[in-house]
């Protein structure tokens, strides 16, 4: 009997996990000072700053690093950190007590800032 309840809870949680991770992508802007620097997302070229791109939010999102290169300036690598969204974290934790599939909200309780500004130093 216990296995049936566990199976039902997992089946109810699965769509939330899949949909939550798919719909919680975010568009962010990366600027540099000075502008015009070459940007790389996890070693993949993404263009010259400023650049706008989509990244995945949430606890299951990969850790993204931005490498910045500009002639006459030191190369810099910056992680795109995510901040906790307290409202979603609290809602997931409180709702999960009464309805276990709601714990899936915790997967989207972290998110990127809408923009990042990276300042380069001269060599």
N, C-alpha and C. Protein backbone atom coordinates (compact mmCIF):
# COMPACT_ATOMS: atom_id res chain seq x y z
N UNK A 1 0.82 -1.20 0.00
CA UNK A 1 0.00 0.00 0.00
C UNK A 1 0.86 1.26 0.00
N UNK A 2 1.97 1.20 0.75
CA UNK A 2 2.87 2.33 0.81
C UNK A 2 3.47 2.63 -0.56
N UNK A 3 3.79 1.58 -1.32
CA UNK A 3 4.37 1.75 -2.65
C UNK A 3 3.40 2.43 -3.61
N UNK A 4 2.12 2.17 -3.44
CA UNK A 4 1.12 2.80 -4.32
C UNK A 4 1.11 4.31 -4.09
N UNK A 5 1.12 4.75 -2.83
CA UNK A 5 1.14 6.18 -2.52
C UNK A 5 2.41 6.84 -3.04
N UNK A 6 3.53 6.16 -2.91
CA UNK A 6 4.78 6.70 -3.41
C UNK A 6 4.75 6.81 -4.93
N UNK A 7 4.21 5.80 -5.60
CA UNK A 7 4.11 5.84 -7.06
C UNK A 7 3.21 6.98 -7.52
N UNK A 8 2.09 7.16 -6.84
CA UNK A 8 1.17 8.24 -7.20
C UNK A 8 1.84 9.60 -7.00
N UNK A 9 2.54 9.78 -5.89
CA UNK A 9 3.23 11.03 -5.62
C UNK A 9 4.29 11.31 -6.68
N UNK A 10 5.03 10.29 -7.08
CA UNK A 10 6.05 10.48 -8.12
C UNK A 10 5.42 10.81 -9.47
N UNK A 11 4.32 10.14 -9.79
CA UNK A 11 3.65 10.43 -11.06
C UNK A 11 3.08 11.85 -11.08
N UNK A 12 2.55 12.30 -9.96
CA UNK A 12 2.04 13.66 -9.89
C UNK A 12 3.16 14.70 -9.93
N UNK A 13 4.32 14.37 -9.42
CA UNK A 13 5.44 15.30 -9.38
C UNK A 13 6.14 15.42 -10.73
N UNK A 14 6.15 14.36 -11.52
CA UNK A 14 6.89 14.35 -12.77
C UNK A 14 6.51 15.48 -13.72
N UNK A 15 5.22 15.70 -14.01
CA UNK A 15 4.90 16.83 -14.91
C UNK A 15 5.36 18.18 -14.35
N UNK A 16 5.24 18.35 -13.04
CA UNK A 16 5.68 19.60 -12.43
C UNK A 16 7.17 19.80 -12.63
N UNK A 17 7.95 18.75 -12.46
CA UNK A 17 9.39 18.85 -12.65
C UNK A 17 9.74 19.18 -14.09
N UNK A 18 9.10 18.49 -15.02
CA UNK A 18 9.41 18.69 -16.44
C UNK A 18 8.97 20.07 -16.90
N UNK A 19 7.74 20.44 -16.62
CA UNK A 19 7.22 21.73 -17.06
C UNK A 19 7.94 22.87 -16.35
N UNK A 20 8.17 22.72 -15.05
CA UNK A 20 8.83 23.77 -14.29
C UNK A 20 10.20 24.10 -14.83
N UNK A 21 10.97 23.11 -15.19
CA UNK A 21 12.31 23.38 -15.70
C UNK A 21 12.27 23.92 -17.12
N UNK A 22 11.25 23.56 -17.90
CA UNK A 22 11.18 24.05 -19.27
C UNK A 22 10.71 25.50 -19.32
N UNK A 23 9.74 25.85 -18.51
CA UNK A 23 9.17 27.19 -18.58
C UNK A 23 9.94 28.21 -17.75
N UNK A 24 10.87 27.79 -16.95
CA UNK A 24 11.57 28.74 -16.10
C UNK A 24 12.96 29.05 -16.61
N UNK A 25 13.03 29.31 -17.90
CA UNK A 25 14.23 29.87 -18.49
C UNK A 25 14.12 31.38 -18.39
N UNK A 26 15.25 32.04 -18.40
CA UNK A 26 15.23 33.49 -18.22
C UNK A 26 16.12 34.15 -19.27
N UNK A 27 15.69 35.30 -19.74
CA UNK A 27 16.50 36.10 -20.66
C UNK A 27 17.30 37.09 -19.81
N UNK A 28 18.61 37.05 -19.99
CA UNK A 28 19.49 37.95 -19.24
C UNK A 28 20.34 38.76 -20.22
N UNK A 29 20.83 39.89 -19.74
CA UNK A 29 21.72 40.74 -20.52
C UNK A 29 23.06 40.82 -19.82
N UNK A 30 24.12 40.68 -20.60
CA UNK A 30 25.47 40.80 -20.06
C UNK A 30 26.15 41.98 -20.72
N UNK A 31 26.57 42.93 -19.88
CA UNK A 31 27.27 44.12 -20.36
C UNK A 31 28.67 44.12 -19.79
N UNK A 32 29.58 44.79 -20.52
CA UNK A 32 30.94 44.95 -20.00
C UNK A 32 31.31 46.43 -20.03
N UNK A 33 32.25 46.76 -19.18
CA UNK A 33 32.80 48.11 -19.16
C UNK A 33 34.29 47.97 -19.42
N UNK A 34 34.83 48.32 -20.54
CA UNK A 34 34.20 48.92 -21.70
C UNK A 34 33.43 47.88 -22.52
N UNK A 35 32.50 48.36 -23.34
CA UNK A 35 31.70 47.45 -24.16
C UNK A 35 32.51 46.98 -25.37
N UNK A 36 31.96 46.00 -26.08
CA UNK A 36 32.62 45.47 -27.26
C UNK A 36 33.53 44.29 -26.99
N UNK A 37 33.55 43.79 -25.77
CA UNK A 37 34.39 42.64 -25.42
C UNK A 37 33.78 41.35 -25.98
N UNK A 38 34.64 40.39 -26.31
CA UNK A 38 34.18 39.08 -26.76
C UNK A 38 33.72 38.28 -25.55
N UNK A 39 32.51 37.69 -25.65
CA UNK A 39 31.94 36.93 -24.55
C UNK A 39 31.83 35.45 -24.92
N UNK A 40 32.11 34.61 -23.94
CA UNK A 40 32.01 33.16 -24.11
C UNK A 40 31.19 32.60 -22.95
N UNK A 41 30.15 31.82 -23.26
CA UNK A 41 29.35 31.15 -22.25
C UNK A 41 29.83 29.70 -22.18
N UNK A 42 30.45 29.33 -21.08
CA UNK A 42 31.00 27.97 -20.92
C UNK A 42 31.85 27.57 -22.12
N UNK A 43 32.74 28.47 -22.53
CA UNK A 43 33.70 28.29 -23.62
C UNK A 43 33.07 28.34 -25.02
N UNK A 44 31.78 28.64 -25.13
CA UNK A 44 31.12 28.78 -26.43
C UNK A 44 30.95 30.27 -26.72
N UNK A 45 31.46 30.75 -27.87
CA UNK A 45 31.32 32.18 -28.19
C UNK A 45 29.86 32.59 -28.30
N UNK A 46 29.50 33.74 -27.69
CA UNK A 46 28.13 34.22 -27.76
C UNK A 46 28.04 35.64 -28.33
N UNK A 47 29.17 36.21 -28.73
CA UNK A 47 29.16 37.53 -29.36
C UNK A 47 29.90 38.57 -28.56
N UNK A 48 29.71 39.82 -28.98
CA UNK A 48 30.35 40.95 -28.30
C UNK A 48 29.34 41.65 -27.41
N UNK A 49 29.86 42.19 -26.30
CA UNK A 49 28.97 42.84 -25.33
C UNK A 49 28.46 44.17 -25.88
N UNK A 50 27.25 44.54 -25.50
CA UNK A 50 26.31 43.81 -24.66
C UNK A 50 25.62 42.68 -25.44
N UNK A 51 25.26 41.63 -24.73
CA UNK A 51 24.61 40.48 -25.36
C UNK A 51 23.43 40.04 -24.50
N UNK A 52 22.38 39.58 -25.15
CA UNK A 52 21.20 39.07 -24.46
C UNK A 52 21.05 37.59 -24.82
N UNK A 53 20.84 36.75 -23.80
CA UNK A 53 20.71 35.32 -24.04
C UNK A 53 19.76 34.69 -23.02
N UNK A 54 19.35 33.46 -23.32
CA UNK A 54 18.47 32.71 -22.41
C UNK A 54 19.30 31.69 -21.65
N UNK A 55 19.05 31.63 -20.35
CA UNK A 55 19.69 30.64 -19.49
C UNK A 55 18.62 29.96 -18.65
N UNK A 56 18.93 28.78 -18.19
CA UNK A 56 17.99 28.03 -17.37
C UNK A 56 18.10 28.46 -15.91
N UNK A 57 16.96 28.72 -15.29
CA UNK A 57 16.89 29.03 -13.86
C UNK A 57 16.59 27.76 -13.09
N UNK A 58 16.86 27.77 -11.81
CA UNK A 58 16.44 26.67 -10.95
C UNK A 58 17.61 25.88 -10.39
N UNK A 59 17.28 25.03 -9.42
CA UNK A 59 18.30 24.22 -8.76
C UNK A 59 18.95 23.21 -9.70
N UNK A 60 18.25 22.79 -10.75
CA UNK A 60 18.80 21.82 -11.68
C UNK A 60 19.55 22.47 -12.84
N UNK A 61 19.61 23.79 -12.85
CA UNK A 61 20.28 24.51 -13.93
C UNK A 61 21.80 24.29 -13.84
N UNK A 62 22.45 24.20 -14.99
CA UNK A 62 23.90 24.07 -14.96
C UNK A 62 24.56 25.35 -14.46
N UNK A 63 25.76 25.23 -13.96
CA UNK A 63 26.52 26.40 -13.54
C UNK A 63 27.13 27.01 -14.79
N UNK A 64 26.79 28.26 -15.07
CA UNK A 64 27.29 28.95 -16.25
C UNK A 64 28.39 29.92 -15.88
N UNK A 65 29.43 29.95 -16.70
CA UNK A 65 30.53 30.89 -16.54
C UNK A 65 30.65 31.74 -17.79
N UNK A 66 30.90 33.01 -17.60
CA UNK A 66 31.13 33.93 -18.72
C UNK A 66 32.60 34.31 -18.73
N UNK A 67 33.26 34.08 -19.87
CA UNK A 67 34.63 34.53 -20.04
C UNK A 67 34.60 35.77 -20.92
N UNK A 68 35.35 36.79 -20.51
CA UNK A 68 35.37 38.07 -21.21
C UNK A 68 36.79 38.34 -21.69
N UNK A 69 36.92 38.68 -22.97
CA UNK A 69 38.23 39.00 -23.54
C UNK A 69 38.14 40.30 -24.34
N UNK A 70 39.12 41.17 -24.14
CA UNK A 70 39.21 42.42 -24.89
C UNK A 70 40.68 42.82 -24.94
N UNK A 71 41.15 43.16 -26.14
CA UNK A 71 42.55 43.55 -26.29
C UNK A 71 42.89 44.72 -25.37
N UNK A 72 44.04 44.60 -24.67
CA UNK A 72 44.49 45.64 -23.77
C UNK A 72 43.95 45.50 -22.36
N UNK A 73 43.09 44.50 -22.13
CA UNK A 73 42.49 44.27 -20.81
C UNK A 73 42.73 42.83 -20.37
N UNK A 74 42.77 42.61 -19.07
CA UNK A 74 42.95 41.26 -18.54
C UNK A 74 41.70 40.43 -18.81
N UNK A 75 41.95 39.18 -19.19
CA UNK A 75 40.83 38.25 -19.39
C UNK A 75 40.17 37.98 -18.04
N UNK A 76 38.85 37.84 -18.05
CA UNK A 76 38.13 37.65 -16.80
C UNK A 76 37.07 36.56 -16.99
N UNK A 77 36.91 35.69 -15.99
CA UNK A 77 35.86 34.67 -16.00
C UNK A 77 34.98 34.90 -14.78
N UNK A 78 33.67 34.99 -15.02
CA UNK A 78 32.71 35.31 -13.96
C UNK A 78 31.59 34.27 -13.97
N UNK A 79 31.28 33.68 -12.80
CA UNK A 79 30.13 32.76 -12.76
C UNK A 79 28.82 33.54 -12.74
N UNK A 80 27.82 33.01 -13.44
CA UNK A 80 26.49 33.61 -13.41
C UNK A 80 25.74 32.99 -12.23
N UNK A 81 25.83 33.64 -11.09
CA UNK A 81 25.23 33.09 -9.88
C UNK A 81 23.72 33.28 -9.89
N UNK A 82 23.05 32.41 -9.15
CA UNK A 82 21.61 32.49 -8.98
C UNK A 82 21.30 32.84 -7.53
N UNK A 83 20.26 33.63 -7.34
CA UNK A 83 19.83 34.02 -6.00
C UNK A 83 18.56 33.26 -5.65
N UNK A 84 18.38 33.02 -4.35
CA UNK A 84 17.16 32.37 -3.87
C UNK A 84 15.98 33.31 -4.03
N UNK A 85 14.83 32.76 -4.43
CA UNK A 85 13.57 33.50 -4.49
C UNK A 85 12.79 33.08 -3.24
N UNK A 86 12.85 33.89 -2.16
CA UNK A 86 12.27 33.47 -0.88
C UNK A 86 10.79 33.10 -0.96
N UNK A 87 10.00 33.84 -1.72
CA UNK A 87 8.56 33.54 -1.80
C UNK A 87 8.28 32.16 -2.34
N UNK A 88 8.99 31.79 -3.41
CA UNK A 88 8.78 30.47 -4.00
C UNK A 88 9.31 29.38 -3.08
N UNK A 89 10.44 29.63 -2.44
CA UNK A 89 11.01 28.63 -1.53
C UNK A 89 10.08 28.37 -0.35
N UNK A 90 9.53 29.43 0.22
CA UNK A 90 8.61 29.27 1.35
C UNK A 90 7.32 28.58 0.90
N UNK A 91 6.80 28.98 -0.26
CA UNK A 91 5.57 28.36 -0.77
C UNK A 91 5.78 26.87 -1.03
N UNK A 92 6.92 26.52 -1.62
CA UNK A 92 7.20 25.10 -1.88
C UNK A 92 7.33 24.30 -0.61
N UNK A 93 8.03 24.86 0.36
CA UNK A 93 8.23 24.14 1.63
C UNK A 93 6.91 23.99 2.39
N UNK A 94 6.14 25.06 2.50
CA UNK A 94 4.87 25.00 3.25
C UNK A 94 3.84 24.13 2.53
N UNK A 95 3.71 24.31 1.21
CA UNK A 95 2.74 23.52 0.46
C UNK A 95 3.14 22.05 0.41
N UNK A 96 4.45 21.80 0.38
CA UNK A 96 4.93 20.42 0.32
C UNK A 96 4.57 19.61 1.55
N UNK A 97 4.37 20.27 2.66
CA UNK A 97 3.97 19.56 3.87
C UNK A 97 2.57 18.96 3.69
N UNK A 98 1.66 19.72 3.05
CA UNK A 98 0.29 19.25 2.86
C UNK A 98 0.11 18.47 1.57
N UNK A 99 0.86 18.84 0.54
CA UNK A 99 0.74 18.20 -0.77
C UNK A 99 2.15 17.94 -1.31
N UNK A 100 2.69 16.75 -1.06
CA UNK A 100 4.10 16.46 -1.38
C UNK A 100 4.57 16.85 -2.78
N UNK A 101 3.76 16.73 -3.85
CA UNK A 101 4.29 17.17 -5.16
C UNK A 101 4.67 18.65 -5.21
N UNK A 102 4.16 19.44 -4.28
CA UNK A 102 4.50 20.87 -4.26
C UNK A 102 5.96 21.11 -3.90
N UNK A 103 6.63 20.09 -3.35
CA UNK A 103 8.06 20.23 -3.07
C UNK A 103 8.83 20.55 -4.34
N UNK A 104 8.26 20.20 -5.49
CA UNK A 104 8.91 20.48 -6.77
C UNK A 104 9.12 21.97 -6.99
N UNK A 105 8.33 22.81 -6.32
CA UNK A 105 8.53 24.26 -6.43
C UNK A 105 9.93 24.67 -5.99
N UNK A 106 10.51 23.89 -5.10
CA UNK A 106 11.86 24.23 -4.63
C UNK A 106 12.89 24.17 -5.77
N UNK A 107 12.59 23.39 -6.81
CA UNK A 107 13.51 23.30 -7.94
C UNK A 107 13.62 24.61 -8.70
N UNK A 108 12.60 25.44 -8.61
CA UNK A 108 12.64 26.72 -9.33
C UNK A 108 12.78 27.89 -8.37
N UNK A 109 13.23 27.62 -7.16
CA UNK A 109 13.33 28.66 -6.14
C UNK A 109 14.62 29.47 -6.23
N UNK A 110 15.41 29.24 -7.27
CA UNK A 110 16.62 30.04 -7.50
C UNK A 110 16.54 30.62 -8.90
N UNK A 111 17.08 31.82 -9.08
CA UNK A 111 17.03 32.43 -10.40
C UNK A 111 18.15 33.42 -10.64
N UNK A 112 18.42 33.66 -11.92
CA UNK A 112 19.44 34.62 -12.33
C UNK A 112 18.92 36.05 -12.23
N UNK A 113 19.83 36.97 -12.10
CA UNK A 113 19.50 38.39 -12.16
C UNK A 113 19.18 38.73 -13.62
N UNK A 114 18.39 39.79 -13.89
CA UNK A 114 18.07 40.14 -15.27
C UNK A 114 19.26 40.67 -16.06
N UNK A 115 20.26 41.23 -15.35
CA UNK A 115 21.44 41.74 -16.07
C UNK A 115 22.68 41.62 -15.19
N UNK A 116 23.80 41.49 -15.88
CA UNK A 116 25.10 41.40 -15.22
C UNK A 116 26.02 42.41 -15.89
N UNK A 117 26.80 43.12 -15.08
CA UNK A 117 27.77 44.08 -15.62
C UNK A 117 29.15 43.66 -15.14
N UNK A 118 30.04 43.47 -16.10
CA UNK A 118 31.40 43.01 -15.80
C UNK A 118 32.36 44.13 -16.17
N UNK A 119 33.17 44.55 -15.19
CA UNK A 119 34.15 45.60 -15.41
C UNK A 119 35.52 44.97 -15.62
N UNK A 120 36.17 45.37 -16.71
CA UNK A 120 37.49 44.83 -17.04
C UNK A 120 38.59 45.77 -16.56
N UNK A 121 39.74 45.18 -16.24
CA UNK A 121 40.89 45.95 -15.78
C UNK A 121 41.96 45.96 -16.87
N UNK A 122 42.60 47.11 -17.05
CA UNK A 122 43.67 47.21 -18.05
C UNK A 122 44.83 46.35 -17.64
N UNK A 123 45.55 45.84 -18.65
CA UNK A 123 46.73 45.00 -18.38
C UNK A 123 47.88 45.83 -17.87
